[in-house]
Amino acid sequence: MINKRAREGFFVETKEKLIFDVKGNVHPPNRIISYLRYFPKKTGDRKRNKENYEKVYSLDERTAIISRNYPQYQFYDANFGLTLQGVSIVNLYKIHDPVKFRLNLSEKNTISSLKKNALDLTNILIDELGINENKIGITGSPMVDLAKRGSDIDLVIYGSNNVKKTREGLKNLFEEDNEIKRYNKKGLRTLYQFKSNDMNISWEDFIQIEPRKIFEGTFRNIDFYIRGVKDWNEIEHFYGDFRIKKFYNATIEGTIENSDESLYTPCIYKIKNSRILQSNIDPINIDEVFSYRGRFCELLRAGEEFKAHGKIEKVILKSGESYNRLIIGGNKYDFLKLKKGE
């Protein structure tokens, strides 16, 4: 019997061999909210069990493929107030758990060089920083045997204490360990070029804030990214505890009040002094900037003025209380940057 509980960092696989990456930690009872990442394709450049697969990058492309070929994995959710992708329990073949994958990998005698490097990096974080081995996992293409030449290392760490400990410890490891390095300017330029097709930000704005990130760099010359996720017992709201009313796309300015929650995926920036820039939109107060996309983590700090584009929505809690937020990352035109970077 399949354990049907899944969260950020997990992958889910369907009976048609489609592989989706799980988004967030809050899901309806009969589905897992997740977005297409790999699908079988004869001309695909990845291979698993003698079958070719293609990786899907942009959200627009994921939506197009699902809408055209697999509409059963697209549904409207009244609580979230929009159409989402997700795998229903009846179509679920397997849940890929990154922590279990790492633990199983450590017991094998022969593994690929990428898996070994990913495992070695997790062992450094466990041994040097004291991260709980049951709270760190290897996700991404190695977890589903779809890595190829040039694939990177994707790790996920669960629990706020482990996430904070990793972030502080990495600062020292960047200085002390010759194998773990922060991106230099050349590396950042390559990263920007790779992401630019799905990212609405100039190089000048990107280079102001991307170097701040601690959860990315290279290990033995392989790119790595670490995703921090709240643990099960730290999740404040569950499905049905809130509903979302969508408003409209908007560009706003404001000041970061608190960025503590920007370490995690999903990430949150508490803001103040918000102002909607379009004159045709009625002014309302925006309380936070929110995103399910890891690219928006660790970017801005308390006290900084920012500019962002996304969709304004009202979050209405069971208690009747509500607040407004700007959700970013839903399309390639969204951005978050320093205001002074213009």
C-alpha atoms as a PDB file:
ATOM      1  CA  MET A   1       0.000   0.000   0.000  1.00  0.00           C
ATOM      2  CA  ILE A   2       1.324   3.449  -0.955  1.00  0.00           C
ATOM      3  CA  ASN A   3       1.839   6.034   1.795  1.00  0.00           C
ATOM      4  CA  LYS A   4      -0.057   8.928   0.263  1.00  0.00           C
ATOM      5  CA  ARG A   5       1.584  11.718   2.272  1.00  0.00           C
ATOM      6  CA  ALA A   6       3.902  13.906   0.195  1.00  0.00           C
ATOM      7  CA  ARG A   7       5.527  17.317   0.546  1.00  0.00           C
ATOM      8  CA  GLU A   8       7.952  19.730  -1.079  1.00  0.00           C
ATOM      9  CA  GLY A   9      11.007  17.845  -2.381  1.00  0.00           C
ATOM     10  CA  PHE A  10       9.074  14.644  -3.145  1.00  0.00           C
ATOM     11  CA  PHE A  11       8.268  13.396  -6.653  1.00  0.00           C
ATOM     12  CA  VAL A  12       5.148  11.464  -7.574  1.00  0.00           C
ATOM     13  CA  GLU A  13       4.884   9.038 -10.472  1.00  0.00           C
ATOM     14  CA  THR A  14       1.712   8.075 -12.304  1.00  0.00           C
ATOM     15  CA  LYS A  15       0.601   4.834 -13.902  1.00  0.00           C
ATOM     16  CA  GLU A  16       1.492   6.379 -17.302  1.00  0.00           C
ATOM     17  CA  LYS A  17       5.086   6.872 -16.034  1.00  0.00           C
ATOM     18  CA  LEU A  18       4.705  10.656 -15.813  1.00  0.00           C
ATOM     19  CA  ILE A  19       6.829  12.169 -13.047  1.00  0.00           C
ATOM     20  CA  PHE A  20       5.673  15.288 -11.183  1.00  0.00           C
ATOM     21  CA  ASP A  21       7.471  17.367  -8.553  1.00  0.00           C
ATOM     22  CA  VAL A  22       5.390  18.090  -5.468  1.00  0.00           C
ATOM     23  CA  LYS A  23       4.608  21.744  -4.714  1.00  0.00           C
ATOM     24  CA  GLY A  24       4.184  22.898  -1.140  1.00  0.00           C
ATOM     25  CA  ASN A  25       3.015  20.970   1.895  1.00  0.00           C
ATOM     26  CA  VAL A  26      -0.757  21.533   1.733  1.00  0.00           C
ATOM     27  CA  HIS A  27      -2.811  19.202  -0.481  1.00  0.00           C
ATOM     28  CA  PRO A  28      -6.455  18.225  -0.935  1.00  0.00           C
ATOM     29  CA  PRO A  29      -7.445  14.818   0.487  1.00  0.00           C
ATOM     30  CA  ASN A  30      -7.715  13.080  -2.904  1.00  0.00           C
ATOM     31  CA  ARG A  31      -4.824  14.674  -4.810  1.00  0.00           C
ATOM     32  CA  ILE A  32      -1.195  15.685  -4.464  1.00  0.00           C
ATOM     33  CA  ILE A  33      -0.539  19.128  -5.921  1.00  0.00           C
ATOM     34  CA  SER A  34       2.432  18.639  -8.222  1.00  0.00           C
ATOM     35  CA  TYR A  35       3.697  19.779 -11.613  1.00  0.00           C
ATOM     36  CA  LEU A  36       4.949  17.746 -14.544  1.00  0.00           C
ATOM     37  CA  ARG A  37       8.742  17.403 -14.605  1.00  0.00           C
ATOM     38  CA  TYR A  38       9.575  14.315 -16.729  1.00  0.00           C
ATOM     39  CA  PHE A  39       7.530  12.399 -19.278  1.00  0.00           C
ATOM     40  CA  PRO A  40       8.239   9.516 -21.704  1.00  0.00           C
ATOM     41  CA  LYS A  41       9.224  10.725 -25.178  1.00  0.00           C
ATOM     42  CA  LYS A  42      10.952   8.782 -27.952  1.00  0.00           C
ATOM     43  CA  THR A  43      13.273  11.721 -28.744  1.00  0.00           C
ATOM     44  CA  GLY A  44      13.969  12.547 -25.095  1.00  0.00           C
ATOM     45  CA  ASP A  45      17.594  12.961 -23.998  1.00  0.00           C
ATOM     46  CA  ARG A  46      17.252  11.023 -20.734  1.00  0.00           C
ATOM     47  CA  LYS A  47      16.893   7.277 -20.353  1.00  0.00           C
ATOM     48  CA  ARG A  48      15.449   5.040 -17.657  1.00  0.00           C
ATOM     49  CA  ASN A  49      14.889   1.297 -18.069  1.00  0.00           C
ATOM     50  CA  LYS A  50      15.533   1.566 -21.816  1.00  0.00           C
ATOM     51  CA  GLU A  51      12.840   4.248 -22.193  1.00  0.00           C
ATOM     52  CA  ASN A  52      13.574   7.843 -23.219  1.00  0.00           C
ATOM     53  CA  TYR A  53      12.283  10.768 -21.177  1.00  0.00           C
ATOM     54  CA  GLU A  54      12.111  14.521 -21.638  1.00  0.00           C
ATOM     55  CA  LYS A  55      12.502  17.061 -18.841  1.00  0.00           C
ATOM     56  CA  VAL A  56      10.090  20.006 -18.780  1.00  0.00           C
ATOM     57  CA  TYR A  57      11.438  23.291 -17.457  1.00  0.00           C
ATOM     58  CA  SER A  58       9.076  26.248 -17.847  1.00  0.00           C
ATOM     59  CA  LEU A  59       5.664  26.428 -16.215  1.00  0.00           C
ATOM     60  CA  ASP A  60       4.100  27.396 -19.558  1.00  0.00           C
ATOM     61  CA  GLU A  61       5.472  24.255 -21.188  1.00  0.00           C
ATOM     62  CA  ARG A  62       4.311  22.051 -18.326  1.00  0.00           C
ATOM     63  CA  THR A  63       0.816  23.512 -18.594  1.00  0.00           C
ATOM     64  CA  ALA A  64       0.710  23.091 -22.372  1.00  0.00           C
ATOM     65  CA  ILE A  65       1.711  19.411 -22.237  1.00  0.00           C
ATOM     66  CA  ILE A  66      -0.754  18.570 -19.478  1.00  0.00           C
ATOM     67  CA  SER A  67      -3.623  20.483 -21.109  1.00  0.00           C
ATOM     68  CA  ARG A  68      -2.993  18.859 -24.497  1.00  0.00           C
ATOM     69  CA  ASN A  69      -2.126  15.283 -23.543  1.00  0.00           C
ATOM     70  CA  TYR A  70      -3.005  14.583 -19.912  1.00  0.00           C
ATOM     71  CA  PRO A  71      -5.950  16.787 -18.873  1.00  0.00           C
ATOM     72  CA  GLN A  72      -6.804  14.381 -16.045  1.00  0.00           C
ATOM     73  CA  TYR A  73      -3.869  15.882 -14.143  1.00  0.00           C
ATOM     74  CA  GLN A  74      -5.295  19.395 -14.235  1.00  0.00           C
ATOM     75  CA  PHE A  75      -8.086  20.449 -11.885  1.00  0.00           C
ATOM     76  CA  TYR A  76      -9.776  23.502 -10.419  1.00  0.00           C
ATOM     77  CA  ASP A  77      -9.431  23.857  -6.665  1.00  0.00           C
ATOM     78  CA  ALA A  78     -11.972  26.085  -4.917  1.00  0.00           C
ATOM     79  CA  ASN A  79      -9.795  26.600  -1.820  1.00  0.00           C
ATOM     80  CA  PHE A  80      -6.814  27.810  -3.831  1.00  0.00           C
ATOM     81  CA  GLY A  81      -9.067  29.627  -6.288  1.00  0.00           C
ATOM     82  CA  LEU A  82      -7.301  28.507  -9.459  1.00  0.00           C
ATOM     83  CA  THR A  83      -6.549  25.626 -11.812  1.00  0.00           C
ATOM     84  CA  LEU A  84      -3.671  23.463 -10.589  1.00  0.00           C
ATOM     85  CA  GLN A  85      -1.762  20.403 -11.690  1.00  0.00           C
ATOM     86  CA  GLY A  86      -1.871  17.372  -9.455  1.00  0.00           C
ATOM     87  CA  VAL A  87      -1.967  13.595  -9.298  1.00  0.00           C
ATOM     88  CA  SER A  88      -5.126  11.975  -7.965  1.00  0.00           C
ATOM     89  CA  ILE A  89      -4.719   9.068  -5.591  1.00  0.00           C
ATOM     90  CA  VAL A  90      -6.325   6.648  -8.067  1.00  0.00           C
ATOM     91  CA  ASN A  91      -3.667   7.480 -10.702  1.00  0.00           C
ATOM     92  CA  LEU A  92      -0.753   7.321  -8.288  1.00  0.00           C
ATOM     93  CA  TYR A  93       1.874   4.655  -8.968  1.00  0.00           C
ATOM     94  CA  LYS A  94       4.707   5.664  -6.646  1.00  0.00           C
ATOM     95  CA  ILE A  95       5.817   8.409  -4.267  1.00  0.00           C
ATOM     96  CA  HIS A  96       9.554   9.158  -4.368  1.00  0.00           C
ATOM     97  CA  ASP A  97      10.771  10.261  -0.926  1.00  0.00           C
ATOM     98  CA  PRO A  98      14.195  12.008  -1.038  1.00  0.00           C
ATOM     99  CA  VAL A  99      15.123  11.044   2.534  1.00  0.00           C
ATOM    100  CA  LYS A 100      14.382   7.353   1.958  1.00  0.00           C
ATOM    101  CA  PHE A 101      16.241   7.546  -1.351  1.00  0.00           C
ATOM    102  CA  ARG A 102      19.356   8.899   0.354  1.00  0.00           C
ATOM    103  CA  LEU A 103      19.209   6.289   3.115  1.00  0.00           C
ATOM    104  CA  ASN A 104      18.820   3.471   0.558  1.00  0.00           C
ATOM    105  CA  LEU A 105      21.637   4.921  -1.541  1.00  0.00           C
ATOM    106  CA  SER A 106      24.016   4.825   1.421  1.00  0.00           C
ATOM    107  CA  GLU A 107      23.581   1.045   1.650  1.00  0.00           C
ATOM    108  CA  LYS A 108      24.506   0.346  -1.985  1.00  0.00           C
ATOM    109  CA  ASN A 109      28.000  -0.679  -3.060  1.00  0.00           C
ATOM    110  CA  THR A 110      27.879   0.597  -6.640  1.00  0.00           C
ATOM    111  CA  ILE A 111      26.273   3.908  -7.608  1.00  0.00           C
ATOM    112  CA  SER A 112      26.791   6.554 -10.303  1.00  0.00           C
ATOM    113  CA  SER A 113      29.366   9.297  -9.778  1.00  0.00           C
ATOM    114  CA  LEU A 114      26.617  11.931  -9.468  1.00  0.00           C
ATOM    115  CA  LYS A 115      24.796   9.928  -6.794  1.00  0.00           C
ATOM    116  CA  LYS A 116      28.077   9.379  -4.951  1.00  0.00           C
ATOM    117  CA  ASN A 117      28.880  13.088  -5.004  1.00  0.00           C
ATOM    118  CA  ALA A 118      25.377  13.945  -3.799  1.00  0.00           C
ATOM    119  CA  LEU A 119      25.699  11.368  -1.020  1.00  0.00           C
ATOM    120  CA  ASP A 120      29.135  12.675  -0.059  1.00  0.00           C
ATOM    121  CA  LEU A 121      27.783  16.220   0.200  1.00  0.00           C
ATOM    122  CA  THR A 122      24.940  15.110   2.472  1.00  0.00           C
ATOM    123  CA  ASN A 123      27.418  13.200   4.640  1.00  0.00           C
ATOM    124  CA  ILE A 124      29.529  16.348   5.043  1.00  0.00           C
ATOM    125  CA  LEU A 125      26.448  18.264   6.190  1.00  0.00           C
ATOM    126  CA  ILE A 126      25.559  15.453   8.612  1.00  0.00           C
ATOM    127  CA  ASP A 127      29.070  14.958   9.999  1.00  0.00           C
ATOM    128  CA  GLU A 128      30.326  18.543  10.005  1.00  0.00           C
ATOM    129  CA  LEU A 129      27.126  20.453  10.795  1.00  0.00           C
ATOM    130  CA  GLY A 130      25.189  17.911  12.824  1.00  0.00           C
ATOM    131  CA  ILE A 131      22.203  17.680  10.487  1.00  0.00           C
ATOM    132  CA  ASN A 132      19.798  14.863  11.371  1.00  0.00           C
ATOM    133  CA  GLU A 133      20.332  12.100   8.802  1.00  0.00           C
ATOM    134  CA  ASN A 134      16.585  11.414   8.769  1.00  0.00           C
ATOM    135  CA  LYS A 135      15.864  15.014   7.748  1.00  0.00           C
ATOM    136  CA  ILE A 136      18.099  15.399   4.711  1.00  0.00           C
ATOM    137  CA  GLY A 137      17.408  13.952   1.280  1.00  0.00           C
ATOM    138  CA  ILE A 138      18.588  13.807  -2.315  1.00  0.00           C
ATOM    139  CA  THR A 139      15.935  14.888  -4.796  1.00  0.00           C
ATOM    140  CA  GLY A 140      15.884  15.834  -8.481  1.00  0.00           C
ATOM    141  CA  SER A 141      16.826  13.629 -11.433  1.00  0.00           C
ATOM    142  CA  PRO A 142      19.038  11.125  -9.520  1.00  0.00           C
ATOM    143  CA  MET A 143      16.089  10.183  -7.304  1.00  0.00           C
ATOM    144  CA  VAL A 144      14.140   8.914 -10.324  1.00  0.00           C
ATOM    145  CA  ASP A 145      17.158   7.595 -12.282  1.00  0.00           C
ATOM    146  CA  LEU A 146      16.877  10.288 -14.954  1.00  0.00           C
ATOM    147  CA  ALA A 147      20.136  12.172 -14.477  1.00  0.00           C
ATOM    148  CA  LYS A 148      22.301  12.897 -17.498  1.00  0.00           C
ATOM    149  CA  ARG A 149      25.711  14.416 -18.128  1.00  0.00           C
ATOM    150  CA  GLY A 150      25.727  17.875 -16.582  1.00  0.00           C
ATOM    151  CA  SER A 151      22.932  17.174 -14.087  1.00  0.00           C
ATOM    152  CA  ASP A 152      23.317  18.947 -10.764  1.00  0.00           C
ATOM    153  CA  ILE A 153      22.889  17.971  -7.118  1.00  0.00           C
ATOM    154  CA  ASP A 154      19.540  18.814  -5.517  1.00  0.00           C
ATOM    155  CA  LEU A 155      19.210  18.378  -1.770  1.00  0.00           C
ATOM    156  CA  VAL A 156      16.294  18.990   0.568  1.00  0.00           C
ATOM    157  CA  ILE A 157      16.475  19.576   4.317  1.00  0.00           C
ATOM    158  CA  TYR A 158      13.428  19.300   6.576  1.00  0.00           C
ATOM    159  CA  GLY A 159      12.859  21.154   9.826  1.00  0.00           C
ATOM    160  CA  SER A 160      13.595  24.791  10.647  1.00  0.00           C
ATOM    161  CA  ASN A 161      16.413  23.960  13.077  1.00  0.00           C
ATOM    162  CA  ASN A 162      18.176  21.820  10.477  1.00  0.00           C
ATOM    163  CA  VAL A 163      17.662  24.476   7.786  1.00  0.00           C
ATOM    164  CA  LYS A 164      19.092  27.265   9.952  1.00  0.00           C
ATOM    165  CA  LYS A 165      21.994  25.077  11.096  1.00  0.00           C
ATOM    166  CA  THR A 166      22.818  24.249   7.471  1.00  0.00           C
ATOM    167  CA  ARG A 167      22.748  27.873   6.383  1.00  0.00           C
ATOM    168  CA  GLU A 168      25.070  29.031   9.161  1.00  0.00           C
ATOM    169  CA  GLY A 169      27.375  26.045   8.742  1.00  0.00           C
ATOM    170  CA  LEU A 170      27.685  26.457   4.987  1.00  0.00           C
ATOM    171  CA  LYS A 171      29.118  29.932   5.482  1.00  0.00           C
ATOM    172  CA  ASN A 172      32.051  28.340   7.266  1.00  0.00           C
ATOM    173  CA  LEU A 173      32.333  25.417   4.864  1.00  0.00           C
ATOM    174  CA  PHE A 174      32.608  27.823   1.934  1.00  0.00           C
ATOM    175  CA  GLU A 175      35.704  29.237   3.623  1.00  0.00           C
ATOM    176  CA  GLU A 176      37.203  26.001   4.950  1.00  0.00           C
ATOM    177  CA  ASP A 177      36.322  23.223   2.472  1.00  0.00           C
ATOM    178  CA  ASN A 178      38.030  23.435  -0.922  1.00  0.00           C
ATOM    179  CA  GLU A 179      35.388  21.194  -2.499  1.00  0.00           C
ATOM    180  CA  ILE A 180      32.369  23.332  -1.501  1.00  0.00           C
ATOM    181  CA  LYS A 181      32.400  26.717  -3.205  1.00  0.00           C
ATOM    182  CA  ARG A 182      30.122  29.687  -3.671  1.00  0.00           C
ATOM    183  CA  TYR A 183      29.425  30.799  -7.215  1.00  0.00           C
ATOM    184  CA  ASN A 184      31.937  33.254  -8.648  1.00  0.00           C
ATOM    185  CA  LYS A 185      30.846  35.861 -11.163  1.00  0.00           C
ATOM    186  CA  LYS A 186      31.395  33.488 -14.089  1.00  0.00           C
ATOM    187  CA  GLY A 187      29.271  30.846 -12.412  1.00  0.00           C
ATOM    188  CA  LEU A 188      26.542  33.383 -11.713  1.00  0.00           C
ATOM    189  CA  ARG A 189      26.566  34.471 -15.349  1.00  0.00           C
ATOM    190  CA  THR A 190      26.106  30.849 -16.454  1.00  0.00           C
ATOM    191  CA  LEU A 191      23.296  30.426 -13.927  1.00  0.00           C
ATOM    192  CA  TYR A 192      21.597  33.584 -15.182  1.00  0.00           C
ATOM    193  CA  GLN A 193      21.818  32.478 -18.805  1.00  0.00           C
ATOM    194  CA  PHE A 194      20.277  29.120 -17.906  1.00  0.00           C
ATOM    195  CA  LYS A 195      17.390  30.703 -15.995  1.00  0.00           C
ATOM    196  CA  SER A 196      16.796  33.808 -18.093  1.00  0.00           C
ATOM    197  CA  ASN A 197      14.208  32.254 -20.429  1.00  0.00           C
ATOM    198  CA  ASP A 198      11.911  31.696 -17.450  1.00  0.00           C
ATOM    199  CA  MET A 199      12.862  34.741 -15.399  1.00  0.00           C
ATOM    200  CA  ASN A 200      11.905  38.405 -15.806  1.00  0.00           C
ATOM    201  CA  ILE A 201      14.952  40.159 -14.379  1.00  0.00           C
ATOM    202  CA  SER A 202      17.966  41.896 -15.897  1.00  0.00           C
ATOM    203  CA  TRP A 203      21.535  40.769 -15.316  1.00  0.00           C
ATOM    204  CA  GLU A 204      22.184  43.986 -13.388  1.00  0.00           C
ATOM    205  CA  ASP A 205      19.317  43.282 -10.972  1.00  0.00           C
ATOM    206  CA  PHE A 206      20.185  39.585 -10.754  1.00  0.00           C
ATOM    207  CA  ILE A 207      23.831  40.169  -9.800  1.00  0.00           C
ATOM    208  CA  GLN A 208      22.788  42.483  -6.966  1.00  0.00           C
ATOM    209  CA  ILE A 209      20.883  39.820  -5.047  1.00  0.00           C
ATOM    210  CA  GLU A 210      21.727  36.303  -6.305  1.00  0.00           C
ATOM    211  CA  PRO A 211      25.232  36.261  -4.681  1.00  0.00           C
ATOM    212  CA  ARG A 212      23.487  36.508  -1.298  1.00  0.00           C
ATOM    213  CA  LYS A 213      22.232  32.941  -1.561  1.00  0.00           C
ATOM    214  CA  ILE A 214      23.922  30.423   0.706  1.00  0.00           C
ATOM    215  CA  PHE A 215      21.942  27.394  -0.447  1.00  0.00           C
ATOM    216  CA  GLU A 216      23.594  27.158  -3.857  1.00  0.00           C
ATOM    217  CA  GLY A 217      27.097  26.763  -5.220  1.00  0.00           C
ATOM    218  CA  THR A 218      29.364  23.987  -6.492  1.00  0.00           C
ATOM    219  CA  PHE A 219      30.628  20.768  -4.936  1.00  0.00           C
ATOM    220  CA  ARG A 220      33.556  19.156  -6.756  1.00  0.00           C
ATOM    221  CA  ASN A 221      32.673  21.453  -9.675  1.00  0.00           C
ATOM    222  CA  ILE A 222      29.063  20.186  -9.784  1.00  0.00           C
ATOM    223  CA  ASP A 223      26.289  22.722  -9.254  1.00  0.00           C
ATOM    224  CA  PHE A 224      24.259  22.107  -6.108  1.00  0.00           C
ATOM    225  CA  TYR A 225      21.058  23.578  -4.722  1.00  0.00           C
ATOM    226  CA  ILE A 226      19.593  23.032  -1.255  1.00  0.00           C
ATOM    227  CA  ARG A 227      15.894  23.456  -0.538  1.00  0.00           C
ATOM    228  CA  GLY A 228      14.818  24.186   3.043  1.00  0.00           C
ATOM    229  CA  VAL A 229      11.351  22.925   4.002  1.00  0.00           C
ATOM    230  CA  LYS A 230       9.350  23.151   7.230  1.00  0.00           C
ATOM    231  CA  ASP A 231       8.814  19.811   8.950  1.00  0.00           C
ATOM    232  CA  TRP A 232       5.392  18.167   9.262  1.00  0.00           C
ATOM    233  CA  ASN A 233       4.849  19.439  12.812  1.00  0.00           C
ATOM    234  CA  GLU A 234       5.767  23.016  11.788  1.00  0.00           C
ATOM    235  CA  ILE A 235       3.055  23.422   9.155  1.00  0.00           C
ATOM    236  CA  GLU A 236       0.646  26.062  10.445  1.00  0.00           C
ATOM    237  CA  HIS A 237      -2.291  25.602   8.078  1.00  0.00           C
ATOM    238  CA  PHE A 238      -3.727  22.521   6.438  1.00  0.00           C
ATOM    239  CA  TYR A 239      -6.047  22.022   3.501  1.00  0.00           C
ATOM    240  CA  GLY A 240      -9.428  23.567   4.277  1.00  0.00           C
ATOM    241  CA  ASP A 241      -8.038  25.967   6.895  1.00  0.00           C
ATOM    242  CA  PHE A 242      -8.094  28.765   4.331  1.00  0.00           C
ATOM    243  CA  ARG A 243      -9.431  29.752   0.951  1.00  0.00           C
ATOM    244  CA  ILE A 244      -7.933  32.137  -1.554  1.00  0.00           C
ATOM    245  CA  LYS A 245      -9.659  34.795  -3.567  1.00  0.00           C
ATOM    246  CA  LYS A 246      -7.728  35.844  -6.661  1.00  0.00           C
ATOM    247  CA  PHE A 247      -7.607  39.475  -7.633  1.00  0.00           C
ATOM    248  CA  TYR A 248      -5.319  40.633 -10.417  1.00  0.00           C
ATOM    249  CA  ASN A 249      -1.762  40.870 -11.667  1.00  0.00           C
ATOM    250  CA  ALA A 250       0.090  43.849 -10.286  1.00  0.00           C
ATOM    251  CA  THR A 251       3.465  45.435  -9.740  1.00  0.00           C
ATOM    252  CA  ILE A 252       4.096  46.699  -6.230  1.00  0.00           C
ATOM    253  CA  GLU A 253       6.767  48.472  -4.232  1.00  0.00           C
ATOM    254  CA  GLY A 254       7.384  48.322  -0.521  1.00  0.00           C
ATOM    255  CA  THR A 255       9.803  47.589   2.309  1.00  0.00           C
ATOM    256  CA  ILE A 256      10.851  44.184   3.595  1.00  0.00           C
ATOM    257  CA  GLU A 257       9.800  43.991   7.231  1.00  0.00           C
ATOM    258  CA  ASN A 258      10.954  40.436   7.954  1.00  0.00           C
ATOM    259  CA  SER A 259      12.744  37.905   5.742  1.00  0.00           C
ATOM    260  CA  ASP A 260      13.126  35.008   8.201  1.00  0.00           C
ATOM    261  CA  GLU A 261      10.716  32.804   6.228  1.00  0.00           C
ATOM    262  CA  SER A 262      12.601  33.370   2.960  1.00  0.00           C
ATOM    263  CA  LEU A 263      14.892  30.457   3.847  1.00  0.00           C
ATOM    264  CA  TYR A 264      12.140  27.950   3.135  1.00  0.00           C
ATOM    265  CA  THR A 265      10.128  26.681   0.199  1.00  0.00           C
ATOM    266  CA  PRO A 266       7.463  27.981   0.022  1.00  0.00           C
ATOM    267  CA  CYS A 267       9.102  31.305   0.925  1.00  0.00           C
ATOM    268  CA  ILE A 268       7.534  34.382   2.537  1.00  0.00           C
ATOM    269  CA  TYR A 269       8.675  37.986   2.887  1.00  0.00           C
ATOM    270  CA  LYS A 270       6.662  40.058   5.361  1.00  0.00           C
ATOM    271  CA  ILE A 271       6.375  43.578   3.986  1.00  0.00           C
ATOM    272  CA  LYS A 272       5.203  47.076   4.943  1.00  0.00           C
ATOM    273  CA  ASN A 273       4.542  50.377   3.185  1.00  0.00           C
ATOM    274  CA  SER A 274       3.258  48.536   0.121  1.00  0.00           C
ATOM    275  CA  ARG A 275       2.097  50.494  -2.886  1.00  0.00           C
ATOM    276  CA  ILE A 276       0.437  49.236  -6.077  1.00  0.00           C
ATOM    277  CA  LEU A 277       1.995  50.998  -9.038  1.00  0.00           C
ATOM    278  CA  GLN A 278      -0.859  50.717 -11.556  1.00  0.00           C
ATOM    279  CA  SER A 279      -3.167  53.709 -11.292  1.00  0.00           C
ATOM    280  CA  ASN A 280      -6.218  51.742 -12.462  1.00  0.00           C
ATOM    281  CA  ILE A 281      -6.157  49.390  -9.455  1.00  0.00           C
ATOM    282  CA  ASP A 282      -7.799  50.326  -6.162  1.00  0.00           C
ATOM    283  CA  PRO A 283      -5.162  50.681  -3.427  1.00  0.00           C
ATOM    284  CA  ILE A 284      -5.097  47.867  -0.837  1.00  0.00           C
ATOM    285  CA  ASN A 285      -2.501  46.949   1.735  1.00  0.00           C
ATOM    286  CA  ILE A 286      -0.275  43.969   0.867  1.00  0.00           C
ATOM    287  CA  ASP A 287       1.064  42.059   3.878  1.00  0.00           C
ATOM    288  CA  GLU A 288       3.507  39.644   2.297  1.00  0.00           C
ATOM    289  CA  VAL A 289       5.230  38.388  -0.835  1.00  0.00           C
ATOM    290  CA  PHE A 290       4.850  34.620  -1.205  1.00  0.00           C
ATOM    291  CA  SER A 291       6.272  32.049  -3.639  1.00  0.00           C
ATOM    292  CA  TYR A 292       6.406  28.295  -4.199  1.00  0.00           C
ATOM    293  CA  ARG A 293       9.534  28.783  -6.350  1.00  0.00           C
ATOM    294  CA  GLY A 294      12.933  28.227  -4.785  1.00  0.00           C
ATOM    295  CA  ARG A 295      14.501  30.874  -7.003  1.00  0.00           C
ATOM    296  CA  PHE A 296      12.941  33.588  -4.821  1.00  0.00           C
ATOM    297  CA  CYS A 297      14.454  32.318  -1.547  1.00  0.00           C
ATOM    298  CA  GLU A 298      17.199  34.206   0.315  1.00  0.00           C
ATOM    299  CA  LEU A 299      17.099  37.276  -1.924  1.00  0.00           C
ATOM    300  CA  LEU A 300      16.077  40.272   0.181  1.00  0.00           C
ATOM    301  CA  ARG A 301      16.711  41.469   3.732  1.00  0.00           C
ATOM    302  CA  ALA A 302      14.741  43.345   6.362  1.00  0.00           C
ATOM    303  CA  GLY A 303      14.709  47.102   5.802  1.00  0.00           C
ATOM    304  CA  GLU A 304      15.328  46.945   2.050  1.00  0.00           C
ATOM    305  CA  GLU A 305      13.016  48.554  -0.461  1.00  0.00           C
ATOM    306  CA  PHE A 306      11.862  46.260  -3.239  1.00  0.00           C
ATOM    307  CA  LYS A 307       9.824  46.018  -6.399  1.00  0.00           C
ATOM    308  CA  ALA A 308       7.870  42.905  -7.383  1.00  0.00           C
ATOM    309  CA  HIS A 309       5.381  41.679  -9.945  1.00  0.00           C
ATOM    310  CA  GLY A 310       2.890  38.870  -9.412  1.00  0.00           C
ATOM    311  CA  LYS A 311      -0.740  38.214  -8.610  1.00  0.00           C
ATOM    312  CA  ILE A 312      -2.508  39.809  -5.663  1.00  0.00           C
ATOM    313  CA  GLU A 313      -4.714  37.451  -3.690  1.00  0.00           C
ATOM    314  CA  LYS A 314      -6.692  37.531  -0.455  1.00  0.00           C
ATOM    315  CA  VAL A 315      -6.150  34.669   1.996  1.00  0.00           C
ATOM    316  CA  ILE A 316      -9.269  34.073   4.100  1.00  0.00           C
ATOM    317  CA  LEU A 317      -8.779  31.932   7.216  1.00  0.00           C
ATOM    318  CA  LYS A 318     -11.378  29.740   8.919  1.00  0.00           C
ATOM    319  CA  SER A 319     -11.539  32.246  11.755  1.00  0.00           C
ATOM    320  CA  GLY A 320     -12.761  34.898   9.332  1.00  0.00           C
ATOM    321  CA  GLU A 321      -9.502  36.838   9.497  1.00  0.00           C
ATOM    322  CA  SER A 322      -7.858  37.640   6.184  1.00  0.00           C
ATOM    323  CA  TYR A 323      -4.763  39.197   4.689  1.00  0.00           C
ATOM    324  CA  ASN A 324      -3.491  40.131   1.234  1.00  0.00           C
ATOM    325  CA  ARG A 325      -0.381  38.836  -0.424  1.00  0.00           C
ATOM    326  CA  LEU A 326       1.456  39.032  -3.713  1.00  0.00           C
ATOM    327  CA  ILE A 327       2.183  35.546  -5.025  1.00  0.00           C
ATOM    328  CA  ILE A 328       5.127  35.395  -7.447  1.00  0.00           C
ATOM    329  CA  GLY A 329       6.467  32.680  -9.716  1.00  0.00           C
ATOM    330  CA  GLY A 330       3.213  31.753 -11.429  1.00  0.00           C
ATOM    331  CA  ASN A 331       4.474  32.972 -14.799  1.00  0.00           C
ATOM    332  CA  LYS A 332       7.705  34.129 -16.406  1.00  0.00           C
ATOM    333  CA  TYR A 333       6.792  37.812 -16.096  1.00  0.00           C
ATOM    334  CA  ASP A 334       6.924  37.744 -12.292  1.00  0.00           C
ATOM    335  CA  PHE A 335       9.949  39.166 -10.500  1.00  0.00           C
ATOM    336  CA  LEU A 336      11.372  40.282  -7.165  1.00  0.00           C
ATOM    337  CA  LYS A 337      14.242  42.743  -6.985  1.00  0.00           C
ATOM    338  CA  LEU A 338      15.729  45.631  -5.067  1.00  0.00           C
ATOM    339  CA  LYS A 339      14.020  48.881  -5.881  1.00  0.00           C
ATOM    340  CA  LYS A 340      17.337  50.693  -6.061  1.00  0.00           C
ATOM    341  CA  GLY A 341      18.449  48.212  -8.725  1.00  0.00           C
ATOM    342  CA  GLU A 342      16.423  49.988 -11.405  1.00  0.00           C
END
